[in-house]
C-alpha atoms as a PDB file:
ATOM      1  CA  UNK A   1      -6.685  18.252 -16.731  1.00  0.00           C
ATOM      2  CA  UNK A   2      -6.364  15.971 -13.726  1.00  0.00           C
ATOM      3  CA  UNK A   3      -7.845  12.478 -13.701  1.00  0.00           C
ATOM      4  CA  UNK A   4      -7.833  12.491  -9.921  1.00  0.00           C
ATOM      5  CA  UNK A   5     -11.385  12.625  -8.582  1.00  0.00           C
ATOM      6  CA  UNK A   6     -11.959  15.265  -5.934  1.00  0.00           C
ATOM      7  CA  UNK A   7     -12.782  14.061  -2.432  1.00  0.00           C
ATOM      8  CA  UNK A   8     -16.447  14.272  -1.487  1.00  0.00           C
ATOM      9  CA  UNK A   9     -17.930  15.624   1.736  1.00  0.00           C
ATOM     10  CA  UNK A  10     -16.715  13.577   4.681  1.00  0.00           C
ATOM     11  CA  UNK A  11     -13.802  11.987   2.788  1.00  0.00           C
ATOM     12  CA  UNK A  12     -10.277  12.649   4.050  1.00  0.00           C
ATOM     13  CA  UNK A  13      -8.369  10.396   1.676  1.00  0.00           C
ATOM     14  CA  UNK A  14      -8.700   7.457  -0.689  1.00  0.00           C
ATOM     15  CA  UNK A  15      -6.976   4.110  -0.839  1.00  0.00           C
ATOM     16  CA  UNK A  16      -6.348   2.406  -4.149  1.00  0.00           C
ATOM     17  CA  UNK A  17      -5.876  -1.270  -4.819  1.00  0.00           C
ATOM     18  CA  UNK A  18      -5.675  -3.562  -7.798  1.00  0.00           C
ATOM     19  CA  UNK A  19      -6.768  -7.185  -7.886  1.00  0.00           C
ATOM     20  CA  UNK A  20      -4.654  -9.640  -9.790  1.00  0.00           C
ATOM     21  CA  UNK A  21      -4.836 -13.352 -10.414  1.00  0.00           C
ATOM     22  CA  UNK A  22      -1.360 -14.854 -10.497  1.00  0.00           C
ATOM     23  CA  UNK A  23      -1.215 -18.349 -11.933  1.00  0.00           C
ATOM     24  CA  UNK A  24       2.378 -18.603 -13.006  1.00  0.00           C
ATOM     25  CA  UNK A  25       5.644 -16.727 -13.255  1.00  0.00           C
ATOM     26  CA  UNK A  26       8.887 -16.898 -15.170  1.00  0.00           C
ATOM     27  CA  UNK A  27      12.395 -16.160 -13.942  1.00  0.00           C
ATOM     28  CA  UNK A  28      13.639 -13.261 -16.076  1.00  0.00           C
ATOM     29  CA  UNK A  29      17.256 -14.420 -16.223  1.00  0.00           C
ATOM     30  CA  UNK A  30      16.794 -18.122 -16.915  1.00  0.00           C
ATOM     31  CA  UNK A  31      13.375 -18.187 -18.549  1.00  0.00           C
ATOM     32  CA  UNK A  32      12.359 -21.036 -16.246  1.00  0.00           C
ATOM     33  CA  UNK A  33       8.753 -21.307 -15.116  1.00  0.00           C
ATOM     34  CA  UNK A  34       8.538 -20.743 -11.358  1.00  0.00           C
ATOM     35  CA  UNK A  35       7.086 -23.344  -9.042  1.00  0.00           C
ATOM     36  CA  UNK A  36       4.029 -22.373  -6.997  1.00  0.00           C
ATOM     37  CA  UNK A  37       6.220 -22.167  -3.894  1.00  0.00           C
ATOM     38  CA  UNK A  38       8.757 -19.875  -5.600  1.00  0.00           C
ATOM     39  CA  UNK A  39       5.983 -17.672  -6.961  1.00  0.00           C
ATOM     40  CA  UNK A  40       4.362 -17.411  -3.530  1.00  0.00           C
ATOM     41  CA  UNK A  41       7.740 -16.523  -2.006  1.00  0.00           C
ATOM     42  CA  UNK A  42       8.274 -13.713  -4.525  1.00  0.00           C
ATOM     43  CA  UNK A  43       4.763 -12.343  -4.018  1.00  0.00           C
ATOM     44  CA  UNK A  44       5.369 -12.400  -0.252  1.00  0.00           C
ATOM     45  CA  UNK A  45       8.688 -10.605  -0.704  1.00  0.00           C
ATOM     46  CA  UNK A  46       7.009  -7.933  -2.805  1.00  0.00           C
ATOM     47  CA  UNK A  47       4.199  -7.475  -0.261  1.00  0.00           C
ATOM     48  CA  UNK A  48       6.786  -7.146   2.539  1.00  0.00           C
ATOM     49  CA  UNK A  49       8.717  -4.581   0.499  1.00  0.00           C
ATOM     50  CA  UNK A  50       5.627  -2.451  -0.109  1.00  0.00           C
ATOM     51  CA  UNK A  51       4.546  -2.741   3.536  1.00  0.00           C
ATOM     52  CA  UNK A  52       7.991  -1.588   4.661  1.00  0.00           C
ATOM     53  CA  UNK A  53       7.987   1.343   2.252  1.00  0.00           C
ATOM     54  CA  UNK A  54       4.504   2.348   3.359  1.00  0.00           C
ATOM     55  CA  UNK A  55       5.453   2.066   7.021  1.00  0.00           C
ATOM     56  CA  UNK A  56       8.485   4.284   6.496  1.00  0.00           C
ATOM     57  CA  UNK A  57       6.435   6.853   4.606  1.00  0.00           C
ATOM     58  CA  UNK A  58       3.752   6.965   7.280  1.00  0.00           C
ATOM     59  CA  UNK A  59       6.302   7.133  10.092  1.00  0.00           C
ATOM     60  CA  UNK A  60       7.908  10.101   8.370  1.00  0.00           C
ATOM     61  CA  UNK A  61       4.695  12.015   7.801  1.00  0.00           C
ATOM     62  CA  UNK A  62       2.064  10.795  10.249  1.00  0.00           C
ATOM     63  CA  UNK A  63       2.942  12.978  13.185  1.00  0.00           C
ATOM     64  CA  UNK A  64       1.240  15.741  15.160  1.00  0.00           C
ATOM     65  CA  UNK A  65       2.945  18.492  13.180  1.00  0.00           C
ATOM     66  CA  UNK A  66       1.850  17.194   9.791  1.00  0.00           C
ATOM     67  CA  UNK A  67      -1.701  16.245  10.739  1.00  0.00           C
ATOM     68  CA  UNK A  68      -2.524  19.049  13.183  1.00  0.00           C
ATOM     69  CA  UNK A  69      -6.040  20.264  12.585  1.00  0.00           C
ATOM     70  CA  UNK A  70      -6.836  17.514  10.094  1.00  0.00           C
ATOM     71  CA  UNK A  71      -9.870  16.010  11.782  1.00  0.00           C
ATOM     72  CA  UNK A  72     -11.776  15.698  14.993  1.00  0.00           C
ATOM     73  CA  UNK A  73      -9.789  15.782  18.219  1.00  0.00           C
ATOM     74  CA  UNK A  74      -8.719  12.429  19.604  1.00  0.00           C
ATOM     75  CA  UNK A  75     -10.677  11.436  22.679  1.00  0.00           C
ATOM     76  CA  UNK A  76      -9.520   9.048  25.371  1.00  0.00           C
ATOM     77  CA  UNK A  77     -11.245   5.678  25.251  1.00  0.00           C
ATOM     78  CA  UNK A  78     -13.232   4.940  28.382  1.00  0.00           C
END
């Protein structure tokens, strides 16, 4: 049994997200509590990593061959 909900009429895909409140962090090796600046830097690094991975995935699959016939034709903007 799949937990994945089927797409409804008019839906082409779904995007998932998760909210999180980050108040503190701990360095795994040293056990030290991270400063706010260090925590923000690590969150930024993680966001950049995910953005890069997503960009590479889309670049590899979002092309005319893979998406041919998957929606209305693209019209020139006037």
